[in-house]
Amino acid sequence: MIVFKRHDLAWLSDTGLDYAASAIQNSIPHVTGKELRAMLFSSPPIPAIVRRQESTEDELLCVGFSFPNIIDGMRLRLSTKVPPDCVVRHNTPFDILEYETGGLPCKEAVRALVDAGNKYHTQVGLFGSVALQLATGLQYLRKNSDIDIYLRYLGNGQELALFYKQLTNIEEQFGVIIDAEIEFHEQYGIKLKELFGPGKTVLGKGLYDVTLLEKTCLESFLL
């Protein structure tokens, strides 16, 4: 049984894509079925992205699709639900680094982040446009795209603060914006810049809920 988390990529069977097409068509009537199916059944196939799950009893997996198509300056994104048993392949953000990064325009920055993670006991994964471009080979990244990274801290001291300092140096060195989310107790994702920024709380985004977390509750675990 697959344990899904936010940001995971899930490739669907034809049955799953049919299910997704029907559900999306019902909620967006101005998109023709032919147009929708052409996007969903594209080659190379575009994976669904696991999103926050809704409070229902239908046992369906809530996912979204992010397409390389840009319409009126905005990326085309659609959300739906699919049966979990229609997932035929599944990648976590950490799996994405197994793909060949040779053609990635921000590959040096990604490599620097991975090297910093190895040095400071922080596992680095990728999500967002970087992950989709690596997983599909399609053009998702634009000139000013952020680098979205998902982190799992494996240390037990002050090394996370050192990793954060290195992250800010990499942003300056390569002229990029890095959107880093760190995992807390395998349950919530927290923005790293919020954790090291002002304020006493941070927003925790989980698979089933969103909640405010006191920084004092996080410090013993992360710092």
N, C-alpha and C. Protein backbone atom coordinates (compact mmCIF):
# COMPACT_ATOMS: atom_id res chain seq x y z
N MET A 1 0.84 -1.20 0.00
CA MET A 1 0.00 0.00 0.00
C MET A 1 0.88 1.26 0.00
N ILE A 2 0.60 2.18 -0.91
CA ILE A 2 1.38 3.40 -1.01
C ILE A 2 0.93 4.39 0.07
N VAL A 3 1.89 4.97 0.77
CA VAL A 3 1.61 6.03 1.73
C VAL A 3 1.89 7.36 1.02
N PHE A 4 0.84 8.10 0.74
CA PHE A 4 0.98 9.34 -0.01
C PHE A 4 1.23 10.53 0.92
N LYS A 5 2.01 11.50 0.40
CA LYS A 5 2.22 12.76 1.11
C LYS A 5 2.08 13.91 0.12
N ARG A 6 1.90 15.10 0.63
CA ARG A 6 1.84 16.28 -0.22
C ARG A 6 3.10 16.39 -1.08
N HIS A 7 2.91 16.85 -2.29
CA HIS A 7 3.98 17.07 -3.27
C HIS A 7 4.40 15.79 -3.99
N ASP A 8 3.94 14.62 -3.57
CA ASP A 8 4.29 13.39 -4.29
C ASP A 8 3.74 13.46 -5.72
N LEU A 9 4.46 12.87 -6.65
CA LEU A 9 3.99 12.74 -8.02
C LEU A 9 3.42 11.34 -8.22
N ALA A 10 2.25 11.28 -8.87
CA ALA A 10 1.55 10.00 -9.05
C ALA A 10 1.13 9.86 -10.51
N TRP A 11 1.71 8.87 -11.19
CA TRP A 11 1.31 8.59 -12.57
C TRP A 11 0.11 7.65 -12.53
N LEU A 12 -0.91 7.95 -13.33
CA LEU A 12 -2.16 7.22 -13.29
C LEU A 12 -2.30 6.26 -14.47
N SER A 13 -3.02 5.18 -14.23
CA SER A 13 -3.39 4.27 -15.31
C SER A 13 -4.41 4.96 -16.23
N ASP A 14 -4.68 4.35 -17.38
CA ASP A 14 -5.69 4.91 -18.28
C ASP A 14 -7.05 5.00 -17.59
N THR A 15 -7.34 4.03 -16.74
CA THR A 15 -8.59 4.07 -15.99
C THR A 15 -8.62 5.27 -15.06
N GLY A 16 -7.49 5.54 -14.41
CA GLY A 16 -7.41 6.70 -13.53
C GLY A 16 -7.53 8.01 -14.29
N LEU A 17 -6.90 8.08 -15.47
CA LEU A 17 -7.00 9.29 -16.28
C LEU A 17 -8.42 9.50 -16.78
N ASP A 18 -9.10 8.41 -17.15
CA ASP A 18 -10.51 8.51 -17.56
C ASP A 18 -11.36 9.06 -16.41
N TYR A 19 -11.09 8.55 -15.20
CA TYR A 19 -11.83 8.99 -14.02
C TYR A 19 -11.57 10.48 -13.79
N ALA A 20 -10.30 10.89 -13.87
CA ALA A 20 -9.94 12.29 -13.66
C ALA A 20 -10.59 13.19 -14.71
N ALA A 21 -10.59 12.74 -15.96
CA ALA A 21 -11.19 13.53 -17.04
C ALA A 21 -12.67 13.76 -16.80
N SER A 22 -13.36 12.72 -16.37
CA SER A 22 -14.80 12.85 -16.11
C SER A 22 -15.07 13.80 -14.97
N ALA A 23 -14.28 13.69 -13.89
CA ALA A 23 -14.50 14.55 -12.73
C ALA A 23 -14.19 16.01 -13.05
N ILE A 24 -13.11 16.26 -13.79
CA ILE A 24 -12.76 17.63 -14.15
C ILE A 24 -13.78 18.22 -15.11
N GLN A 25 -14.23 17.42 -16.08
CA GLN A 25 -15.19 17.90 -17.05
C GLN A 25 -16.48 18.34 -16.37
N ASN A 26 -16.87 17.62 -15.34
CA ASN A 26 -18.10 17.97 -14.62
C ASN A 26 -17.97 19.27 -13.87
N SER A 27 -16.75 19.62 -13.45
CA SER A 27 -16.56 20.84 -12.66
C SER A 27 -16.14 22.03 -13.51
N ILE A 28 -15.65 21.79 -14.72
CA ILE A 28 -15.22 22.87 -15.61
C ILE A 28 -15.90 22.65 -16.97
N PRO A 29 -17.15 22.97 -17.09
CA PRO A 29 -17.90 22.65 -18.31
C PRO A 29 -17.42 23.36 -19.56
N HIS A 30 -16.68 24.48 -19.43
CA HIS A 30 -16.24 25.21 -20.62
C HIS A 30 -15.04 24.57 -21.30
N VAL A 31 -14.42 23.56 -20.65
CA VAL A 31 -13.34 22.80 -21.27
C VAL A 31 -13.94 21.59 -21.97
N THR A 32 -13.69 21.44 -23.26
CA THR A 32 -14.27 20.31 -23.98
C THR A 32 -13.59 19.02 -23.56
N GLY A 33 -14.33 17.93 -23.65
CA GLY A 33 -13.77 16.64 -23.30
C GLY A 33 -12.57 16.27 -24.15
N LYS A 34 -12.59 16.64 -25.42
CA LYS A 34 -11.48 16.34 -26.33
C LYS A 34 -10.22 17.08 -25.91
N GLU A 35 -10.37 18.35 -25.58
CA GLU A 35 -9.21 19.15 -25.15
C GLU A 35 -8.63 18.60 -23.85
N LEU A 36 -9.51 18.27 -22.93
CA LEU A 36 -9.07 17.78 -21.63
C LEU A 36 -8.34 16.45 -21.75
N ARG A 37 -8.89 15.54 -22.53
CA ARG A 37 -8.26 14.23 -22.69
C ARG A 37 -6.92 14.35 -23.40
N ALA A 38 -6.80 15.30 -24.33
CA ALA A 38 -5.51 15.50 -25.01
C ALA A 38 -4.44 15.91 -24.02
N MET A 39 -4.81 16.72 -23.03
CA MET A 39 -3.84 17.15 -22.02
C MET A 39 -3.50 16.02 -21.06
N LEU A 40 -4.52 15.29 -20.63
CA LEU A 40 -4.29 14.24 -19.64
C LEU A 40 -3.59 13.02 -20.23
N PHE A 41 -3.90 12.70 -21.48
CA PHE A 41 -3.30 11.53 -22.13
C PHE A 41 -2.14 11.94 -23.02
N SER A 42 -1.37 12.89 -22.57
CA SER A 42 -0.26 13.41 -23.37
C SER A 42 0.92 12.44 -23.34
N SER A 43 1.85 12.66 -24.24
CA SER A 43 3.09 11.91 -24.26
C SER A 43 4.24 12.91 -24.34
N PRO A 44 5.15 12.89 -23.34
CA PRO A 44 5.19 12.00 -22.18
C PRO A 44 4.04 12.27 -21.21
N PRO A 45 3.67 11.26 -20.42
CA PRO A 45 2.56 11.44 -19.49
C PRO A 45 2.90 12.44 -18.38
N ILE A 46 1.91 13.21 -18.00
CA ILE A 46 2.07 14.19 -16.92
C ILE A 46 1.52 13.60 -15.63
N PRO A 47 2.31 13.55 -14.58
CA PRO A 47 1.83 12.96 -13.33
C PRO A 47 0.88 13.89 -12.58
N ALA A 48 0.02 13.28 -11.79
CA ALA A 48 -0.79 14.04 -10.84
C ALA A 48 0.08 14.40 -9.64
N ILE A 49 -0.31 15.45 -8.94
CA ILE A 49 0.40 15.90 -7.74
C ILE A 49 -0.51 15.72 -6.54
N VAL A 50 -0.05 15.01 -5.54
CA VAL A 50 -0.86 14.80 -4.35
C VAL A 50 -1.00 16.12 -3.60
N ARG A 51 -2.25 16.49 -3.31
CA ARG A 51 -2.54 17.74 -2.60
C ARG A 51 -3.22 17.43 -1.27
N ARG A 52 -3.55 18.48 -0.51
CA ARG A 52 -4.22 18.26 0.77
C ARG A 52 -5.54 17.55 0.54
N GLN A 53 -5.79 16.54 1.38
CA GLN A 53 -6.98 15.72 1.22
C GLN A 53 -8.21 16.38 1.84
N GLU A 54 -9.33 16.25 1.17
CA GLU A 54 -10.57 16.84 1.65
C GLU A 54 -11.27 15.91 2.63
N SER A 55 -12.07 16.49 3.50
CA SER A 55 -12.77 15.71 4.52
C SER A 55 -14.03 15.07 3.92
N THR A 56 -13.85 13.93 3.28
CA THR A 56 -14.97 13.20 2.69
C THR A 56 -14.82 11.73 3.05
N GLU A 57 -15.83 10.96 2.74
CA GLU A 57 -15.79 9.53 3.02
C GLU A 57 -15.71 8.69 1.76
N ASP A 58 -15.32 9.31 0.64
CA ASP A 58 -15.30 8.58 -0.63
C ASP A 58 -14.01 7.80 -0.86
N GLU A 59 -13.00 7.98 0.03
CA GLU A 59 -11.73 7.26 -0.06
C GLU A 59 -10.99 7.50 -1.37
N LEU A 60 -11.26 8.62 -2.01
CA LEU A 60 -10.54 8.99 -3.22
C LEU A 60 -9.33 9.84 -2.87
N LEU A 61 -8.34 9.83 -3.74
CA LEU A 61 -7.12 10.59 -3.54
C LEU A 61 -7.26 11.95 -4.22
N CYS A 62 -7.06 13.02 -3.46
CA CYS A 62 -7.15 14.37 -4.00
C CYS A 62 -5.82 14.73 -4.67
N VAL A 63 -5.89 15.07 -5.93
CA VAL A 63 -4.69 15.38 -6.70
C VAL A 63 -4.91 16.62 -7.54
N GLY A 64 -3.83 17.13 -8.07
CA GLY A 64 -3.91 18.24 -9.02
C GLY A 64 -3.02 17.94 -10.21
N PHE A 65 -3.28 18.61 -11.31
CA PHE A 65 -2.43 18.52 -12.49
C PHE A 65 -1.90 19.91 -12.81
N SER A 66 -0.61 20.00 -13.05
CA SER A 66 0.02 21.24 -13.47
C SER A 66 0.61 20.99 -14.85
N PHE A 67 0.12 21.71 -15.84
CA PHE A 67 0.51 21.48 -17.22
C PHE A 67 1.56 22.51 -17.65
N PRO A 68 2.39 22.16 -18.63
CA PRO A 68 3.38 23.14 -19.10
C PRO A 68 2.75 24.31 -19.85
N ASN A 69 1.47 24.19 -20.22
CA ASN A 69 0.78 25.24 -20.96
C ASN A 69 0.68 26.53 -20.15
N ILE A 70 1.01 27.66 -20.76
CA ILE A 70 0.85 28.97 -20.15
C ILE A 70 -0.27 29.70 -20.88
N ILE A 71 -1.32 30.08 -20.16
CA ILE A 71 -2.47 30.76 -20.75
C ILE A 71 -2.65 32.10 -20.05
N ASP A 72 -2.58 33.18 -20.82
CA ASP A 72 -2.69 34.54 -20.26
C ASP A 72 -1.69 34.76 -19.13
N GLY A 73 -0.48 34.23 -19.30
CA GLY A 73 0.58 34.42 -18.32
C GLY A 73 0.50 33.52 -17.11
N MET A 74 -0.48 32.62 -17.07
CA MET A 74 -0.66 31.75 -15.91
C MET A 74 -0.54 30.29 -16.34
N ARG A 75 0.08 29.49 -15.48
CA ARG A 75 0.17 28.06 -15.77
C ARG A 75 -1.20 27.41 -15.57
N LEU A 76 -1.52 26.48 -16.48
CA LEU A 76 -2.81 25.78 -16.39
C LEU A 76 -2.73 24.71 -15.31
N ARG A 77 -3.61 24.83 -14.31
CA ARG A 77 -3.66 23.86 -13.22
C ARG A 77 -5.11 23.42 -13.02
N LEU A 78 -5.29 22.13 -12.79
CA LEU A 78 -6.62 21.57 -12.56
C LEU A 78 -6.55 20.61 -11.38
N SER A 79 -7.62 20.52 -10.61
CA SER A 79 -7.66 19.61 -9.46
C SER A 79 -8.82 18.64 -9.62
N THR A 80 -8.65 17.47 -9.02
CA THR A 80 -9.68 16.44 -9.10
C THR A 80 -9.42 15.39 -8.02
N LYS A 81 -10.15 14.28 -8.10
CA LYS A 81 -9.94 13.13 -7.23
C LYS A 81 -9.88 11.88 -8.09
N VAL A 82 -9.10 10.90 -7.62
CA VAL A 82 -8.98 9.64 -8.36
C VAL A 82 -8.92 8.48 -7.36
N PRO A 83 -9.28 7.28 -7.78
CA PRO A 83 -9.11 6.12 -6.90
C PRO A 83 -7.62 5.84 -6.68
N PRO A 84 -7.19 5.63 -5.45
CA PRO A 84 -5.76 5.39 -5.19
C PRO A 84 -5.19 4.19 -5.92
N ASP A 85 -6.02 3.18 -6.20
CA ASP A 85 -5.49 1.99 -6.87
C ASP A 85 -5.22 2.22 -8.36
N CYS A 86 -5.51 3.43 -8.85
CA CYS A 86 -5.19 3.76 -10.23
C CYS A 86 -3.77 4.34 -10.38
N VAL A 87 -3.07 4.50 -9.27
CA VAL A 87 -1.70 5.01 -9.32
C VAL A 87 -0.76 3.86 -9.70
N VAL A 88 -0.07 4.01 -10.82
CA VAL A 88 0.81 2.94 -11.30
C VAL A 88 2.29 3.25 -11.04
N ARG A 89 2.61 4.50 -10.75
CA ARG A 89 3.98 4.88 -10.40
C ARG A 89 3.93 6.08 -9.48
N HIS A 90 4.89 6.14 -8.56
CA HIS A 90 4.82 7.13 -7.49
C HIS A 90 6.23 7.59 -7.15
N ASN A 91 6.43 8.91 -7.11
CA ASN A 91 7.73 9.48 -6.74
C ASN A 91 7.55 10.48 -5.61
N THR A 92 8.36 10.38 -4.58
CA THR A 92 8.42 11.40 -3.54
C THR A 92 9.35 12.51 -4.01
N PRO A 93 9.37 13.67 -3.35
CA PRO A 93 10.34 14.71 -3.70
C PRO A 93 11.78 14.22 -3.65
N PHE A 94 12.07 13.26 -2.77
CA PHE A 94 13.43 12.76 -2.66
C PHE A 94 13.77 11.83 -3.82
N ASP A 95 12.78 11.13 -4.37
CA ASP A 95 13.01 10.28 -5.53
C ASP A 95 13.40 11.09 -6.76
N ILE A 96 12.92 12.32 -6.84
CA ILE A 96 13.11 13.13 -8.05
C ILE A 96 14.59 13.37 -8.33
N LEU A 97 15.40 13.40 -7.30
CA LEU A 97 16.84 13.64 -7.50
C LEU A 97 17.54 12.49 -8.20
N GLU A 98 16.83 11.37 -8.38
CA GLU A 98 17.42 10.25 -9.10
C GLU A 98 17.36 10.46 -10.61
N TYR A 99 16.57 11.45 -11.06
CA TYR A 99 16.49 11.74 -12.49
C TYR A 99 17.75 12.50 -12.93
N GLU A 100 18.06 12.40 -14.20
CA GLU A 100 19.22 13.09 -14.77
C GLU A 100 18.97 14.59 -14.81
N THR A 101 19.85 15.38 -14.20
CA THR A 101 19.65 16.83 -14.10
C THR A 101 20.44 17.60 -15.16
N GLY A 102 21.05 16.89 -16.12
CA GLY A 102 21.95 17.53 -17.07
C GLY A 102 21.34 18.71 -17.82
N GLY A 103 20.07 18.60 -18.22
CA GLY A 103 19.46 19.68 -19.00
C GLY A 103 18.75 20.72 -18.17
N LEU A 104 18.86 20.64 -16.87
CA LEU A 104 18.15 21.57 -15.99
C LEU A 104 18.90 22.90 -15.92
N PRO A 105 18.22 24.03 -16.20
CA PRO A 105 18.94 25.31 -16.19
C PRO A 105 19.48 25.71 -14.82
N CYS A 106 18.86 25.20 -13.75
CA CYS A 106 19.31 25.55 -12.40
C CYS A 106 20.07 24.40 -11.75
N LYS A 107 20.71 23.55 -12.57
CA LYS A 107 21.33 22.34 -12.03
C LYS A 107 22.45 22.65 -11.05
N GLU A 108 23.21 23.74 -11.28
CA GLU A 108 24.31 24.07 -10.36
C GLU A 108 23.78 24.46 -8.99
N ALA A 109 22.68 25.21 -8.97
CA ALA A 109 22.08 25.60 -7.70
C ALA A 109 21.53 24.38 -6.97
N VAL A 110 20.90 23.48 -7.72
CA VAL A 110 20.37 22.26 -7.11
C VAL A 110 21.50 21.42 -6.54
N ARG A 111 22.58 21.29 -7.28
CA ARG A 111 23.72 20.51 -6.79
C ARG A 111 24.32 21.13 -5.54
N ALA A 112 24.40 22.46 -5.51
CA ALA A 112 24.93 23.14 -4.33
C ALA A 112 24.02 22.90 -3.11
N LEU A 113 22.72 22.87 -3.32
CA LEU A 113 21.78 22.61 -2.23
C LEU A 113 21.94 21.18 -1.71
N VAL A 114 22.08 20.23 -2.61
CA VAL A 114 22.26 18.83 -2.20
C VAL A 114 23.58 18.67 -1.44
N ASP A 115 24.63 19.32 -1.93
CA ASP A 115 25.93 19.25 -1.24
C ASP A 115 25.83 19.85 0.17
N ALA A 116 25.13 20.98 0.29
CA ALA A 116 24.95 21.60 1.60
C ALA A 116 24.13 20.68 2.51
N GLY A 117 23.12 20.03 1.95
CA GLY A 117 22.32 19.10 2.73
C GLY A 117 23.15 17.93 3.24
N ASN A 118 24.00 17.39 2.37
CA ASN A 118 24.86 16.29 2.80
C ASN A 118 25.81 16.73 3.91
N LYS A 119 26.28 17.96 3.85
CA LYS A 119 27.21 18.47 4.85
C LYS A 119 26.53 18.70 6.19
N TYR A 120 25.26 19.15 6.14
CA TYR A 120 24.58 19.54 7.38
C TYR A 120 23.41 18.61 7.73
N HIS A 121 23.50 17.35 7.32
CA HIS A 121 22.54 16.33 7.72
C HIS A 121 21.09 16.74 7.41
N THR A 122 20.89 17.29 6.22
CA THR A 122 19.55 17.71 5.79
C THR A 122 19.28 17.10 4.42
N GLN A 123 18.33 16.17 4.36
CA GLN A 123 18.01 15.52 3.10
C GLN A 123 17.21 16.48 2.22
N VAL A 124 17.61 16.62 0.96
CA VAL A 124 17.00 17.56 0.03
C VAL A 124 16.19 16.81 -1.02
N GLY A 125 14.95 17.23 -1.23
CA GLY A 125 14.11 16.72 -2.30
C GLY A 125 13.59 17.89 -3.14
N LEU A 126 12.97 17.59 -4.26
CA LEU A 126 12.47 18.61 -5.17
C LEU A 126 10.98 18.44 -5.41
N PHE A 127 10.27 19.57 -5.53
CA PHE A 127 8.87 19.52 -5.96
C PHE A 127 8.62 20.72 -6.86
N GLY A 128 7.38 20.93 -7.23
CA GLY A 128 7.05 22.08 -8.07
C GLY A 128 7.56 21.93 -9.50
N SER A 129 7.83 23.06 -10.14
CA SER A 129 8.20 23.07 -11.56
C SER A 129 9.51 22.33 -11.83
N VAL A 130 10.47 22.44 -10.92
CA VAL A 130 11.74 21.73 -11.10
C VAL A 130 11.50 20.23 -11.15
N ALA A 131 10.71 19.72 -10.22
CA ALA A 131 10.42 18.29 -10.18
C ALA A 131 9.68 17.84 -11.43
N LEU A 132 8.70 18.62 -11.86
CA LEU A 132 7.92 18.24 -13.04
C LEU A 132 8.78 18.25 -14.30
N GLN A 133 9.69 19.20 -14.42
CA GLN A 133 10.56 19.23 -15.59
C GLN A 133 11.49 18.03 -15.61
N LEU A 134 12.03 17.67 -14.45
CA LEU A 134 12.91 16.50 -14.38
C LEU A 134 12.15 15.21 -14.67
N ALA A 135 10.92 15.10 -14.14
CA ALA A 135 10.16 13.86 -14.26
C ALA A 135 9.56 13.66 -15.65
N THR A 136 9.31 14.75 -16.38
CA THR A 136 8.65 14.64 -17.69
C THR A 136 9.53 15.02 -18.86
N GLY A 137 10.56 15.83 -18.62
CA GLY A 137 11.37 16.35 -19.71
C GLY A 137 10.72 17.50 -20.43
N LEU A 138 9.56 17.96 -19.97
CA LEU A 138 8.85 19.07 -20.58
C LEU A 138 9.31 20.40 -19.99
N GLN A 139 9.03 21.49 -20.69
CA GLN A 139 9.50 22.81 -20.29
C GLN A 139 8.55 23.43 -19.25
N TYR A 140 8.86 23.23 -17.99
CA TYR A 140 8.07 23.83 -16.91
C TYR A 140 8.73 25.10 -16.35
N LEU A 141 10.04 25.12 -16.35
CA LEU A 141 10.75 26.23 -15.74
C LEU A 141 10.74 27.45 -16.65
N ARG A 142 10.49 28.60 -16.05
CA ARG A 142 10.58 29.87 -16.77
C ARG A 142 11.74 30.67 -16.18
N LYS A 143 12.01 31.82 -16.75
CA LYS A 143 13.19 32.59 -16.40
C LYS A 143 13.26 32.89 -14.90
N ASN A 144 12.14 33.22 -14.30
CA ASN A 144 12.14 33.63 -12.89
C ASN A 144 11.51 32.58 -11.97
N SER A 145 11.51 31.33 -12.40
CA SER A 145 10.91 30.27 -11.57
C SER A 145 11.68 30.07 -10.27
N ASP A 146 10.93 29.85 -9.19
CA ASP A 146 11.55 29.47 -7.91
C ASP A 146 12.07 28.04 -8.01
N ILE A 147 13.00 27.71 -7.12
CA ILE A 147 13.40 26.32 -6.92
C ILE A 147 12.70 25.85 -5.64
N ASP A 148 11.77 24.90 -5.80
CA ASP A 148 11.02 24.38 -4.66
C ASP A 148 11.72 23.15 -4.12
N ILE A 149 12.11 23.19 -2.86
CA ILE A 149 12.78 22.03 -2.26
C ILE A 149 12.04 21.59 -0.99
N TYR A 150 12.06 20.29 -0.77
CA TYR A 150 11.44 19.70 0.42
C TYR A 150 12.55 19.07 1.25
N LEU A 151 12.59 19.36 2.53
CA LEU A 151 13.71 18.98 3.38
C LEU A 151 13.28 18.02 4.48
N ARG A 152 14.19 17.15 4.82
CA ARG A 152 14.02 16.28 6.00
C ARG A 152 15.29 16.41 6.82
N TYR A 153 15.16 16.98 8.02
CA TYR A 153 16.33 17.23 8.85
C TYR A 153 16.69 15.97 9.63
N LEU A 154 17.95 15.53 9.50
CA LEU A 154 18.41 14.29 10.12
C LEU A 154 19.42 14.53 11.23
N GLY A 155 19.72 15.79 11.52
CA GLY A 155 20.71 16.11 12.54
C GLY A 155 20.08 16.26 13.92
N ASN A 156 20.90 16.64 14.89
CA ASN A 156 20.41 16.81 16.25
C ASN A 156 21.07 17.99 16.95
N GLY A 157 21.53 18.95 16.18
CA GLY A 157 22.18 20.11 16.76
C GLY A 157 21.79 21.38 16.04
N GLN A 158 22.75 22.25 15.81
CA GLN A 158 22.48 23.54 15.17
C GLN A 158 22.75 23.53 13.67
N GLU A 159 22.87 22.35 13.08
CA GLU A 159 23.25 22.27 11.67
C GLU A 159 22.17 22.80 10.73
N LEU A 160 20.93 22.75 11.13
CA LEU A 160 19.88 23.27 10.26
C LEU A 160 20.06 24.77 10.03
N ALA A 161 20.47 25.48 11.08
CA ALA A 161 20.72 26.91 10.94
C ALA A 161 21.88 27.16 9.97
N LEU A 162 22.88 26.28 9.99
CA LEU A 162 24.00 26.41 9.06
C LEU A 162 23.55 26.11 7.63
N PHE A 163 22.67 25.13 7.49
CA PHE A 163 22.13 24.84 6.15
C PHE A 163 21.33 26.03 5.64
N TYR A 164 20.53 26.64 6.50
CA TYR A 164 19.74 27.80 6.08
C TYR A 164 20.64 28.95 5.64
N LYS A 165 21.72 29.16 6.36
CA LYS A 165 22.66 30.21 5.97
C LYS A 165 23.26 29.90 4.59
N GLN A 166 23.59 28.63 4.36
CA GLN A 166 24.14 28.24 3.07
C GLN A 166 23.10 28.41 1.96
N LEU A 167 21.85 28.12 2.28
CA LEU A 167 20.76 28.30 1.30
C LEU A 167 20.67 29.75 0.86
N THR A 168 20.73 30.68 1.80
CA THR A 168 20.67 32.10 1.44
C THR A 168 21.88 32.51 0.60
N ASN A 169 23.04 31.91 0.88
CA ASN A 169 24.23 32.19 0.06
C ASN A 169 24.05 31.68 -1.37
N ILE A 170 23.41 30.51 -1.51
CA ILE A 170 23.17 29.94 -2.84
C ILE A 170 22.18 30.80 -3.62
N GLU A 171 21.17 31.32 -2.94
CA GLU A 171 20.24 32.24 -3.61
C GLU A 171 20.98 33.44 -4.20
N GLU A 172 21.87 34.00 -3.40
CA GLU A 172 22.61 35.18 -3.85
C GLU A 172 23.60 34.82 -4.96
N GLN A 173 24.28 33.69 -4.80
CA GLN A 173 25.29 33.28 -5.77
C GLN A 173 24.71 33.03 -7.15
N PHE A 174 23.54 32.35 -7.19
CA PHE A 174 22.96 31.93 -8.47
C PHE A 174 21.80 32.83 -8.92
N GLY A 175 21.44 33.81 -8.12
CA GLY A 175 20.37 34.71 -8.50
C GLY A 175 19.02 34.03 -8.62
N VAL A 176 18.72 33.13 -7.68
CA VAL A 176 17.46 32.39 -7.69
C VAL A 176 16.73 32.58 -6.37
N ILE A 177 15.45 32.26 -6.37
CA ILE A 177 14.66 32.22 -5.14
C ILE A 177 14.41 30.77 -4.80
N ILE A 178 14.73 30.38 -3.59
CA ILE A 178 14.55 28.99 -3.14
C ILE A 178 13.42 28.95 -2.12
N ASP A 179 12.39 28.20 -2.45
CA ASP A 179 11.23 28.03 -1.57
C ASP A 179 11.39 26.69 -0.87
N ALA A 180 11.86 26.73 0.36
CA ALA A 180 12.18 25.50 1.09
C ALA A 180 11.10 25.19 2.12
N GLU A 181 10.66 23.94 2.10
CA GLU A 181 9.69 23.47 3.07
C GLU A 181 10.31 22.29 3.81
N ILE A 182 10.27 22.32 5.14
CA ILE A 182 10.89 21.27 5.92
C ILE A 182 9.83 20.44 6.63
N GLU A 183 10.08 19.15 6.70
CA GLU A 183 9.14 18.21 7.27
C GLU A 183 9.27 18.17 8.79
N PHE A 184 8.15 18.23 9.47
CA PHE A 184 8.12 18.15 10.93
C PHE A 184 7.34 16.91 11.35
N HIS A 185 8.03 15.98 12.01
CA HIS A 185 7.41 14.75 12.51
C HIS A 185 6.67 13.99 11.43
N GLU A 186 7.15 14.07 10.17
CA GLU A 186 6.55 13.39 9.03
C GLU A 186 5.07 13.74 8.87
N GLN A 187 4.66 14.88 9.42
CA GLN A 187 3.24 15.24 9.41
C GLN A 187 2.97 16.58 8.75
N TYR A 188 3.80 17.58 9.07
CA TYR A 188 3.56 18.92 8.55
C TYR A 188 4.77 19.43 7.78
N GLY A 189 4.49 20.21 6.74
CA GLY A 189 5.54 20.92 6.04
C GLY A 189 5.55 22.37 6.50
N ILE A 190 6.74 22.88 6.80
CA ILE A 190 6.89 24.24 7.34
C ILE A 190 7.87 25.00 6.45
N LYS A 191 7.53 26.24 6.12
CA LYS A 191 8.45 27.06 5.33
C LYS A 191 9.69 27.37 6.16
N LEU A 192 10.86 27.06 5.60
CA LEU A 192 12.11 27.25 6.35
C LEU A 192 12.33 28.73 6.66
N LYS A 193 11.97 29.61 5.74
CA LYS A 193 12.17 31.04 5.97
C LYS A 193 11.25 31.56 7.06
N GLU A 194 10.08 30.94 7.24
CA GLU A 194 9.21 31.30 8.36
C GLU A 194 9.82 30.84 9.67
N LEU A 195 10.40 29.64 9.65
CA LEU A 195 10.98 29.09 10.87
C LEU A 195 12.10 29.98 11.39
N PHE A 196 12.94 30.53 10.49
CA PHE A 196 14.05 31.36 10.91
C PHE A 196 13.72 32.85 10.86
N GLY A 197 12.49 33.17 10.53
CA GLY A 197 12.07 34.56 10.48
C GLY A 197 11.47 35.03 11.80
N PRO A 198 10.95 36.26 11.83
CA PRO A 198 10.34 36.78 13.05
C PRO A 198 9.01 36.09 13.33
N GLY A 199 8.50 36.28 14.52
CA GLY A 199 7.22 35.68 14.89
C GLY A 199 7.39 34.46 15.76
N LYS A 200 6.34 34.13 16.48
CA LYS A 200 6.39 33.02 17.42
C LYS A 200 5.75 31.74 16.87
N THR A 201 5.07 31.85 15.73
CA THR A 201 4.40 30.69 15.15
C THR A 201 4.78 30.52 13.68
N VAL A 202 4.55 29.32 13.18
CA VAL A 202 4.72 29.03 11.75
C VAL A 202 3.50 28.25 11.29
N LEU A 203 3.23 28.31 10.01
CA LEU A 203 2.10 27.58 9.45
C LEU A 203 2.55 26.19 9.04
N GLY A 204 1.88 25.18 9.59
CA GLY A 204 2.17 23.80 9.24
C GLY A 204 1.13 23.27 8.28
N LYS A 205 1.58 22.79 7.13
CA LYS A 205 0.67 22.25 6.11
C LYS A 205 0.78 20.74 6.09
N GLY A 206 -0.31 20.08 6.42
CA GLY A 206 -0.33 18.63 6.46
C GLY A 206 -1.15 18.04 5.34
N LEU A 207 -1.20 16.72 5.29
CA LEU A 207 -1.98 16.04 4.26
C LEU A 207 -3.48 16.24 4.47
N TYR A 208 -3.87 16.45 5.73
CA TYR A 208 -5.30 16.57 6.03
C TYR A 208 -5.71 17.90 6.64
N ASP A 209 -4.76 18.69 7.07
CA ASP A 209 -5.13 19.95 7.71
C ASP A 209 -3.99 20.96 7.62
N VAL A 210 -4.31 22.19 8.00
CA VAL A 210 -3.34 23.28 8.12
C VAL A 210 -3.48 23.84 9.52
N THR A 211 -2.36 24.05 10.21
CA THR A 211 -2.43 24.51 11.59
C THR A 211 -1.26 25.42 11.92
N LEU A 212 -1.45 26.28 12.92
CA LEU A 212 -0.37 27.11 13.42
C LEU A 212 0.41 26.33 14.49
N LEU A 213 1.73 26.35 14.37
CA LEU A 213 2.58 25.65 15.32
C LEU A 213 3.47 26.65 16.04
N GLU A 214 3.60 26.50 17.33
CA GLU A 214 4.47 27.35 18.12
C GLU A 214 5.93 26.99 17.84
N LYS A 215 6.75 28.00 17.60
CA LYS A 215 8.16 27.73 17.33
C LYS A 215 8.84 27.03 18.51
N THR A 216 8.39 27.31 19.70
CA THR A 216 9.00 26.66 20.87
C THR A 216 8.80 25.16 20.85
N CYS A 217 7.74 24.70 20.17
CA CYS A 217 7.49 23.26 20.05
C CYS A 217 8.39 22.63 19.01
N LEU A 218 8.93 23.43 18.11
CA LEU A 218 9.73 22.93 17.01
C LEU A 218 11.22 22.93 17.32
N GLU A 219 11.65 23.82 18.19
CA GLU A 219 13.07 24.05 18.37
C GLU A 219 13.82 22.81 18.85
N SER A 220 13.23 22.06 19.76
CA SER A 220 13.94 20.88 20.27
C SER A 220 14.08 19.80 19.21
N PHE A 221 13.14 19.80 18.26
CA PHE A 221 13.18 18.78 17.20
C PHE A 221 14.07 19.20 16.03
N LEU A 222 13.93 20.47 15.63
CA LEU A 222 14.63 20.92 14.43
C LEU A 222 15.95 21.62 14.75
N LEU A 223 16.05 22.28 15.87
CA LEU A 223 17.22 23.08 16.17
C LEU A 223 18.01 22.51 17.34
